N, C-alpha and C. Protein backbone atom coordinates (compact mmCIF):
# COMPACT_ATOMS: atom_id res chain seq x y z
N UNK A 1 0.84 -1.17 0.00
CA UNK A 1 0.00 0.00 0.00
C UNK A 1 0.89 1.24 0.00
N UNK A 2 0.49 2.24 -0.73
CA UNK A 2 1.23 3.49 -0.85
C UNK A 2 0.37 4.66 -0.40
N UNK A 3 1.02 5.69 0.11
CA UNK A 3 0.36 6.98 0.30
C UNK A 3 0.52 7.70 -1.03
N UNK A 4 -0.59 8.08 -1.63
CA UNK A 4 -0.54 8.70 -2.95
C UNK A 4 -0.68 10.22 -2.83
N UNK A 5 0.11 10.92 -3.61
CA UNK A 5 0.05 12.37 -3.72
C UNK A 5 0.09 13.09 -2.38
N UNK A 6 1.17 12.92 -1.66
CA UNK A 6 1.34 13.66 -0.43
C UNK A 6 2.27 14.84 -0.69
N UNK A 7 2.01 15.95 -0.08
CA UNK A 7 2.82 17.14 -0.28
C UNK A 7 2.21 18.34 0.41
N UNK A 8 2.69 19.53 0.06
CA UNK A 8 2.21 20.76 0.69
C UNK A 8 2.30 21.89 -0.33
N UNK A 9 1.22 22.65 -0.53
CA UNK A 9 1.28 23.78 -1.46
C UNK A 9 2.09 24.93 -0.86
N UNK A 10 2.74 25.69 -1.72
CA UNK A 10 3.60 26.78 -1.24
C UNK A 10 3.01 28.17 -1.47
N UNK A 11 1.90 28.25 -2.18
CA UNK A 11 1.31 29.54 -2.48
C UNK A 11 -0.15 29.33 -2.89
N UNK A 12 -0.85 30.44 -3.05
CA UNK A 12 -2.22 30.39 -3.54
C UNK A 12 -2.45 31.57 -4.47
N UNK A 13 -3.28 31.36 -5.46
CA UNK A 13 -3.59 32.44 -6.39
C UNK A 13 -4.51 33.49 -5.79
N UNK A 14 -5.21 33.15 -4.71
CA UNK A 14 -6.04 34.13 -4.02
C UNK A 14 -6.05 33.83 -2.53
N UNK A 15 -6.13 34.90 -1.74
CA UNK A 15 -6.02 34.78 -0.28
C UNK A 15 -7.11 33.92 0.32
N UNK A 16 -8.31 33.94 -0.23
CA UNK A 16 -9.41 33.17 0.36
C UNK A 16 -9.18 31.67 0.25
N UNK A 17 -8.36 31.24 -0.70
CA UNK A 17 -8.08 29.81 -0.85
C UNK A 17 -6.71 29.41 -0.30
N UNK A 18 -6.02 30.32 0.37
CA UNK A 18 -4.65 30.05 0.83
C UNK A 18 -4.57 28.90 1.81
N UNK A 19 -5.65 28.64 2.55
CA UNK A 19 -5.62 27.51 3.49
C UNK A 19 -6.39 26.31 2.95
N UNK A 20 -7.02 26.47 1.79
CA UNK A 20 -7.79 25.40 1.16
C UNK A 20 -8.82 24.80 2.12
N UNK A 21 -9.31 25.63 3.06
CA UNK A 21 -10.32 25.18 4.01
C UNK A 21 -9.78 24.37 5.17
N UNK A 22 -8.49 24.08 5.19
CA UNK A 22 -7.92 23.22 6.23
C UNK A 22 -7.31 24.00 7.39
N UNK A 23 -7.15 25.31 7.26
CA UNK A 23 -6.61 26.11 8.34
C UNK A 23 -5.09 26.16 8.39
N UNK A 24 -4.40 25.46 7.54
CA UNK A 24 -2.94 25.49 7.48
C UNK A 24 -2.54 26.19 6.19
N UNK A 25 -1.85 27.32 6.30
CA UNK A 25 -1.59 28.12 5.10
C UNK A 25 -0.60 27.48 4.13
N UNK A 26 -0.84 27.75 2.86
CA UNK A 26 0.10 27.35 1.81
C UNK A 26 1.31 28.26 1.93
N UNK A 27 2.49 27.66 2.09
CA UNK A 27 3.71 28.46 2.24
C UNK A 27 4.94 27.58 2.10
N UNK A 28 6.06 28.22 1.83
CA UNK A 28 7.34 27.50 1.78
C UNK A 28 7.65 26.95 3.17
N UNK A 29 7.37 27.73 4.21
CA UNK A 29 7.60 27.27 5.59
C UNK A 29 6.77 26.03 5.87
N UNK A 30 5.51 26.03 5.41
CA UNK A 30 4.65 24.86 5.59
C UNK A 30 5.19 23.63 4.88
N UNK A 31 5.70 23.81 3.65
CA UNK A 31 6.29 22.69 2.92
C UNK A 31 7.51 22.16 3.66
N UNK A 32 8.36 23.06 4.15
CA UNK A 32 9.56 22.62 4.88
C UNK A 32 9.17 21.85 6.13
N UNK A 33 8.20 22.34 6.87
CA UNK A 33 7.74 21.65 8.08
C UNK A 33 7.19 20.28 7.73
N UNK A 34 6.38 20.20 6.69
CA UNK A 34 5.82 18.92 6.27
C UNK A 34 6.93 17.94 5.92
N UNK A 35 7.89 18.39 5.13
CA UNK A 35 8.97 17.50 4.73
C UNK A 35 9.82 17.06 5.92
N UNK A 36 10.11 17.99 6.82
CA UNK A 36 10.90 17.65 8.01
C UNK A 36 10.19 16.62 8.88
N UNK A 37 8.87 16.72 8.97
CA UNK A 37 8.10 15.81 9.81
C UNK A 37 7.77 14.49 9.13
N UNK A 38 7.57 14.51 7.83
CA UNK A 38 7.07 13.32 7.13
C UNK A 38 8.15 12.44 6.50
N UNK A 39 9.04 13.02 5.72
CA UNK A 39 9.93 12.23 4.86
C UNK A 39 10.77 11.19 5.58
N UNK A 40 11.60 11.62 6.53
CA UNK A 40 12.49 10.66 7.19
C UNK A 40 11.71 9.65 8.03
N UNK A 41 10.64 10.11 8.66
CA UNK A 41 9.81 9.19 9.44
C UNK A 41 9.19 8.13 8.53
N UNK A 42 8.66 8.55 7.40
CA UNK A 42 8.07 7.59 6.45
C UNK A 42 9.12 6.63 5.92
N UNK A 43 10.31 7.13 5.61
CA UNK A 43 11.38 6.26 5.12
C UNK A 43 11.83 5.29 6.20
N UNK A 44 11.94 5.77 7.44
CA UNK A 44 12.41 4.92 8.54
C UNK A 44 11.46 3.77 8.83
N UNK A 45 10.16 4.00 8.69
CA UNK A 45 9.22 2.90 8.97
C UNK A 45 8.69 2.25 7.70
N UNK A 46 9.41 2.46 6.59
CA UNK A 46 9.09 1.82 5.29
C UNK A 46 7.70 2.14 4.76
N UNK A 47 7.22 3.35 5.05
CA UNK A 47 5.97 3.80 4.46
C UNK A 47 6.27 4.27 3.04
N UNK A 48 5.65 3.66 2.07
CA UNK A 48 5.90 4.02 0.69
C UNK A 48 4.94 5.13 0.28
N UNK A 49 5.46 6.10 -0.48
CA UNK A 49 4.65 7.25 -0.83
C UNK A 49 5.09 7.83 -2.17
N UNK A 50 4.19 8.59 -2.76
CA UNK A 50 4.48 9.35 -3.97
C UNK A 50 4.35 10.82 -3.58
N UNK A 51 5.44 11.56 -3.66
CA UNK A 51 5.41 12.97 -3.28
C UNK A 51 4.79 13.77 -4.42
N UNK A 52 3.89 14.67 -4.05
CA UNK A 52 3.20 15.50 -5.03
C UNK A 52 3.64 16.94 -4.82
N UNK A 53 4.34 17.54 -5.60
CA UNK A 53 4.71 17.07 -6.90
C UNK A 53 6.04 17.64 -7.29
N UNK A 54 6.58 17.23 -8.39
CA UNK A 54 7.93 17.62 -8.82
C UNK A 54 8.06 19.13 -8.99
N UNK A 55 7.21 19.74 -9.80
CA UNK A 55 7.31 21.18 -10.04
C UNK A 55 5.91 21.79 -10.14
N UNK A 56 5.84 23.08 -9.88
CA UNK A 56 4.58 23.80 -10.04
C UNK A 56 4.13 23.69 -11.49
N UNK A 57 2.82 23.64 -11.67
CA UNK A 57 2.27 23.50 -13.02
C UNK A 57 1.37 24.69 -13.34
N UNK A 58 1.85 25.55 -14.20
CA UNK A 58 1.12 26.78 -14.52
C UNK A 58 -0.21 26.51 -15.21
N UNK A 59 -0.34 25.39 -15.89
CA UNK A 59 -1.61 25.09 -16.57
C UNK A 59 -2.75 24.92 -15.57
N UNK A 60 -2.44 24.66 -14.31
CA UNK A 60 -3.47 24.47 -13.29
C UNK A 60 -4.01 25.80 -12.75
N UNK A 61 -3.49 26.92 -13.26
CA UNK A 61 -3.99 28.22 -12.82
C UNK A 61 -5.48 28.38 -13.11
N UNK A 62 -6.00 27.64 -14.08
CA UNK A 62 -7.43 27.71 -14.39
C UNK A 62 -8.29 27.25 -13.22
N UNK A 63 -7.70 26.46 -12.32
CA UNK A 63 -8.44 25.97 -11.14
C UNK A 63 -8.32 26.92 -9.96
N UNK A 64 -7.36 27.83 -9.99
CA UNK A 64 -7.18 28.80 -8.92
C UNK A 64 -6.67 28.19 -7.62
N UNK A 65 -6.64 29.03 -6.59
CA UNK A 65 -6.22 28.57 -5.27
C UNK A 65 -4.81 28.01 -5.25
N UNK A 66 -4.65 26.88 -4.57
CA UNK A 66 -3.33 26.27 -4.38
C UNK A 66 -2.94 25.31 -5.50
N UNK A 67 -3.87 24.98 -6.38
CA UNK A 67 -3.63 23.93 -7.38
C UNK A 67 -2.31 24.04 -8.15
N UNK A 68 -1.91 25.22 -8.63
CA UNK A 68 -0.67 25.25 -9.42
C UNK A 68 0.62 25.28 -8.59
N UNK A 69 0.52 25.22 -7.26
CA UNK A 69 1.67 25.51 -6.40
C UNK A 69 2.10 24.35 -5.49
N UNK A 70 2.06 23.12 -5.95
CA UNK A 70 2.41 21.97 -5.12
C UNK A 70 3.83 21.47 -5.35
N UNK A 71 4.56 22.07 -6.26
CA UNK A 71 5.88 21.56 -6.63
C UNK A 71 6.97 21.85 -5.62
N UNK A 72 7.99 20.97 -5.63
CA UNK A 72 9.22 21.23 -4.88
C UNK A 72 10.08 22.22 -5.66
N UNK A 73 9.84 22.28 -6.96
CA UNK A 73 10.57 23.17 -7.85
C UNK A 73 9.58 24.13 -8.50
N UNK A 74 10.09 25.30 -8.90
CA UNK A 74 9.29 26.23 -9.69
C UNK A 74 9.14 25.66 -11.10
N UNK A 75 8.25 26.23 -11.92
CA UNK A 75 8.07 25.70 -13.28
C UNK A 75 9.37 25.61 -14.10
N UNK A 76 10.34 26.48 -13.81
CA UNK A 76 11.61 26.46 -14.54
C UNK A 76 12.61 25.45 -13.95
N UNK A 77 12.15 24.61 -13.04
CA UNK A 77 12.93 23.55 -12.39
C UNK A 77 13.98 24.07 -11.41
N UNK A 78 13.79 25.28 -10.89
CA UNK A 78 14.63 25.82 -9.84
C UNK A 78 14.04 25.38 -8.50
N UNK A 79 14.87 24.80 -7.65
CA UNK A 79 14.41 24.34 -6.34
C UNK A 79 13.91 25.52 -5.52
N UNK A 80 12.76 25.36 -4.89
CA UNK A 80 12.24 26.40 -4.01
C UNK A 80 13.16 26.52 -2.79
N UNK A 81 12.96 27.55 -1.99
CA UNK A 81 13.83 27.83 -0.84
C UNK A 81 13.57 26.84 0.29
N UNK A 82 13.87 25.58 0.03
CA UNK A 82 13.68 24.51 1.01
C UNK A 82 14.95 23.69 1.11
N UNK A 83 15.06 22.96 2.19
CA UNK A 83 16.14 22.00 2.37
C UNK A 83 15.49 20.63 2.41
N UNK A 84 15.78 19.82 1.42
CA UNK A 84 15.19 18.49 1.38
C UNK A 84 15.93 17.62 2.39
N UNK A 85 15.20 17.00 3.32
CA UNK A 85 15.84 16.20 4.36
C UNK A 85 16.70 15.08 3.77
N UNK A 86 17.85 14.86 4.38
CA UNK A 86 18.71 13.75 3.98
C UNK A 86 18.33 12.56 4.84
N UNK A 87 17.66 11.61 4.25
CA UNK A 87 17.17 10.43 4.97
C UNK A 87 17.85 9.20 4.40
N UNK A 88 18.39 8.37 5.24
CA UNK A 88 18.96 7.12 4.78
C UNK A 88 17.92 6.03 4.94
N UNK A 89 17.84 5.18 3.95
CA UNK A 89 16.92 4.04 4.01
C UNK A 89 17.66 2.80 3.54
N UNK A 90 17.24 1.66 4.05
CA UNK A 90 17.82 0.40 3.60
C UNK A 90 17.06 -0.06 2.37
N UNK A 91 17.80 -0.52 1.40
CA UNK A 91 17.19 -1.05 0.19
C UNK A 91 16.53 -2.38 0.52
N UNK A 92 15.29 -2.59 0.11
CA UNK A 92 14.64 -3.87 0.36
C UNK A 92 15.29 -5.00 -0.44
N UNK A 93 16.09 -4.66 -1.46
CA UNK A 93 16.69 -5.69 -2.30
C UNK A 93 18.00 -6.23 -1.74
N UNK A 94 18.87 -5.33 -1.25
CA UNK A 94 20.17 -5.81 -0.81
C UNK A 94 20.63 -5.26 0.53
N UNK A 95 19.81 -4.46 1.19
CA UNK A 95 20.14 -3.98 2.52
C UNK A 95 21.15 -2.85 2.57
N UNK A 96 21.64 -2.37 1.44
CA UNK A 96 22.60 -1.27 1.47
C UNK A 96 21.86 0.05 1.61
N UNK A 97 22.54 1.01 2.16
CA UNK A 97 21.96 2.33 2.32
C UNK A 97 22.27 3.13 1.08
N UNK A 98 21.28 3.80 0.55
CA UNK A 98 21.47 4.55 -0.70
C UNK A 98 21.19 6.03 -0.47
N UNK A 99 21.88 6.84 -1.20
CA UNK A 99 21.61 8.28 -1.19
C UNK A 99 21.78 8.76 -2.62
N UNK A 100 20.79 9.47 -3.12
CA UNK A 100 20.85 9.98 -4.49
C UNK A 100 21.24 11.44 -4.46
N UNK A 101 21.98 11.86 -5.45
CA UNK A 101 22.44 13.23 -5.55
C UNK A 101 22.06 13.75 -6.92
N UNK A 102 21.50 14.95 -6.97
CA UNK A 102 21.19 15.58 -8.24
C UNK A 102 22.18 16.71 -8.44
N UNK A 103 23.25 16.48 -9.20
CA UNK A 103 24.25 17.52 -9.44
C UNK A 103 23.65 18.68 -10.22
N UNK A 104 24.28 19.84 -10.13
CA UNK A 104 23.78 21.00 -10.84
C UNK A 104 23.87 20.83 -12.35
N UNK A 105 24.66 19.86 -12.81
CA UNK A 105 24.78 19.62 -14.25
C UNK A 105 23.52 19.02 -14.85
N UNK A 106 22.61 18.55 -14.00
CA UNK A 106 21.37 17.97 -14.49
C UNK A 106 21.41 16.47 -14.62
N UNK A 107 22.59 15.85 -14.50
CA UNK A 107 22.63 14.39 -14.55
C UNK A 107 22.27 13.83 -13.19
N UNK A 108 21.96 12.57 -13.14
CA UNK A 108 21.57 11.93 -11.89
C UNK A 108 22.65 10.96 -11.47
N UNK A 109 23.07 11.03 -10.23
CA UNK A 109 24.05 10.09 -9.71
C UNK A 109 23.47 9.42 -8.49
N UNK A 110 23.77 8.18 -8.30
CA UNK A 110 23.31 7.45 -7.13
C UNK A 110 24.50 6.75 -6.52
N UNK A 111 24.48 6.60 -5.22
CA UNK A 111 25.56 5.92 -4.54
C UNK A 111 25.01 4.97 -3.51
N UNK A 112 25.70 3.87 -3.33
CA UNK A 112 25.41 2.99 -2.21
C UNK A 112 26.33 3.42 -1.09
N UNK A 113 26.17 2.82 0.08
CA UNK A 113 27.01 3.18 1.21
C UNK A 113 28.47 2.88 0.94
N UNK A 114 28.77 1.99 0.00
CA UNK A 114 30.16 1.68 -0.34
C UNK A 114 30.74 2.68 -1.32
N UNK A 115 29.91 3.60 -1.84
CA UNK A 115 30.39 4.61 -2.76
C UNK A 115 30.28 4.23 -4.22
N UNK A 116 29.75 3.05 -4.52
CA UNK A 116 29.64 2.60 -5.91
C UNK A 116 28.47 3.28 -6.59
N UNK A 117 28.64 3.59 -7.85
CA UNK A 117 27.55 4.17 -8.64
C UNK A 117 26.93 3.08 -9.49
N UNK A 118 25.60 2.89 -9.39
CA UNK A 118 24.95 1.89 -10.24
C UNK A 118 25.13 2.25 -11.70
N UNK A 119 25.21 1.25 -12.56
CA UNK A 119 25.44 1.49 -13.98
C UNK A 119 24.24 2.10 -14.68
N UNK A 120 23.07 2.08 -14.06
CA UNK A 120 21.88 2.60 -14.72
C UNK A 120 21.79 4.12 -14.65
N UNK A 121 22.72 4.78 -13.93
CA UNK A 121 22.69 6.24 -13.84
C UNK A 121 24.01 6.79 -14.32
N UNK A 122 24.06 8.09 -14.54
CA UNK A 122 25.31 8.71 -14.94
C UNK A 122 26.31 8.60 -13.81
N UNK A 123 27.53 8.30 -14.11
CA UNK A 123 28.57 8.18 -13.10
C UNK A 123 29.13 9.57 -12.84
N UNK A 124 29.08 9.99 -11.59
CA UNK A 124 29.55 11.31 -11.21
C UNK A 124 30.35 11.19 -9.93
N UNK A 125 31.44 11.95 -9.81
CA UNK A 125 32.23 11.95 -8.59
C UNK A 125 31.34 12.43 -7.45
N UNK A 126 31.17 11.61 -6.43
CA UNK A 126 30.22 11.90 -5.36
C UNK A 126 30.56 13.15 -4.59
N UNK A 127 31.84 13.41 -4.32
CA UNK A 127 32.18 14.58 -3.53
C UNK A 127 31.89 15.86 -4.29
N UNK A 128 32.20 15.91 -5.58
CA UNK A 128 31.90 17.13 -6.34
C UNK A 128 30.41 17.28 -6.54
N UNK A 129 29.70 16.16 -6.74
CA UNK A 129 28.24 16.23 -6.89
C UNK A 129 27.62 16.74 -5.61
N UNK A 130 28.14 16.29 -4.49
CA UNK A 130 27.62 16.70 -3.20
C UNK A 130 27.81 18.20 -2.99
N UNK A 131 28.95 18.72 -3.42
CA UNK A 131 29.22 20.15 -3.25
C UNK A 131 28.40 20.99 -4.22
N UNK A 132 28.14 20.47 -5.40
CA UNK A 132 27.52 21.30 -6.43
C UNK A 132 26.02 21.07 -6.58
N UNK A 133 25.49 20.06 -5.93
CA UNK A 133 24.09 19.74 -6.14
C UNK A 133 23.29 19.72 -4.86
N UNK A 134 22.10 19.20 -4.97
CA UNK A 134 21.20 19.08 -3.84
C UNK A 134 21.08 17.62 -3.47
N UNK A 135 21.38 17.29 -2.22
CA UNK A 135 21.22 15.91 -1.79
C UNK A 135 19.79 15.72 -1.33
N UNK A 136 19.20 14.63 -1.74
CA UNK A 136 17.80 14.37 -1.44
C UNK A 136 17.64 13.11 -0.64
N UNK A 137 16.68 13.09 0.28
CA UNK A 137 16.39 11.87 1.01
C UNK A 137 16.06 10.75 0.04
N UNK A 138 16.52 9.55 0.33
CA UNK A 138 16.46 8.45 -0.64
C UNK A 138 15.05 8.12 -1.12
N UNK A 139 14.07 8.06 -0.25
CA UNK A 139 12.72 7.72 -0.69
C UNK A 139 12.16 8.77 -1.63
N UNK A 140 12.29 10.02 -1.25
CA UNK A 140 11.83 11.12 -2.09
C UNK A 140 12.66 11.20 -3.36
N UNK A 141 13.95 10.93 -3.25
CA UNK A 141 14.84 11.01 -4.41
C UNK A 141 14.42 10.07 -5.52
N UNK A 142 14.00 8.89 -5.15
CA UNK A 142 13.60 7.92 -6.16
C UNK A 142 12.45 8.47 -6.98
N UNK A 143 11.47 9.05 -6.31
CA UNK A 143 10.32 9.63 -7.00
C UNK A 143 10.76 10.81 -7.85
N UNK A 144 11.62 11.67 -7.29
CA UNK A 144 12.09 12.83 -8.05
C UNK A 144 12.92 12.41 -9.24
N UNK A 145 13.73 11.38 -9.08
CA UNK A 145 14.54 10.89 -10.18
C UNK A 145 13.66 10.46 -11.34
N UNK A 146 12.61 9.72 -11.02
CA UNK A 146 11.68 9.29 -12.05
C UNK A 146 10.95 10.48 -12.65
N UNK A 147 10.54 11.42 -11.78
CA UNK A 147 9.83 12.61 -12.26
C UNK A 147 10.72 13.47 -13.14
N UNK A 148 11.99 13.63 -12.76
CA UNK A 148 12.91 14.45 -13.56
C UNK A 148 13.10 13.83 -14.94
N UNK A 149 13.24 12.53 -14.98
CA UNK A 149 13.39 11.85 -16.26
C UNK A 149 12.16 12.04 -17.13
N UNK A 150 10.99 11.89 -16.52
CA UNK A 150 9.74 12.06 -17.26
C UNK A 150 9.59 13.51 -17.70
N UNK A 151 9.88 14.44 -16.78
CA UNK A 151 9.76 15.85 -17.13
C UNK A 151 10.70 16.22 -18.27
N UNK A 152 11.90 15.65 -18.26
CA UNK A 152 12.85 15.91 -19.33
C UNK A 152 12.29 15.43 -20.66
N UNK A 153 11.65 14.26 -20.63
CA UNK A 153 11.06 13.73 -21.85
C UNK A 153 9.90 14.59 -22.33
N UNK A 154 9.11 15.11 -21.38
CA UNK A 154 7.92 15.87 -21.74
C UNK A 154 8.24 17.30 -22.13
N UNK A 155 9.33 17.85 -21.61
CA UNK A 155 9.65 19.25 -21.88
C UNK A 155 10.63 19.34 -22.96
């Protein structure tokens, strides 16, 4: 079982819809709080989830309110002013701890705890990738990696 489409909006097109009726305002601070509270805890107890969503979608402006503002990235793929939690998780396949890194070059690199890069991703020096990119918690990273690949194909 998976938690589907979990996330937090960062803005609203109009003030009356800023809380979407739930009393918790759409904001970058709200997204950061949600991620700090949810991501590592979900990864630690093996709760599987799909984070909603990769980037803001301007086409959703026709719906108003918070709809276009659920992304971790702006429409131009610039990361919002958040710090994505670094969460280690054990792989259900081999028990190694994985951490994915998205270098600023746009390629994707993955590492196991031994420092090896899987052959299915671009091979990048981990230390330089770490300095130049954004490190993402492993559970969220997997979803973002897939989303980035799909977004690249679609854009």
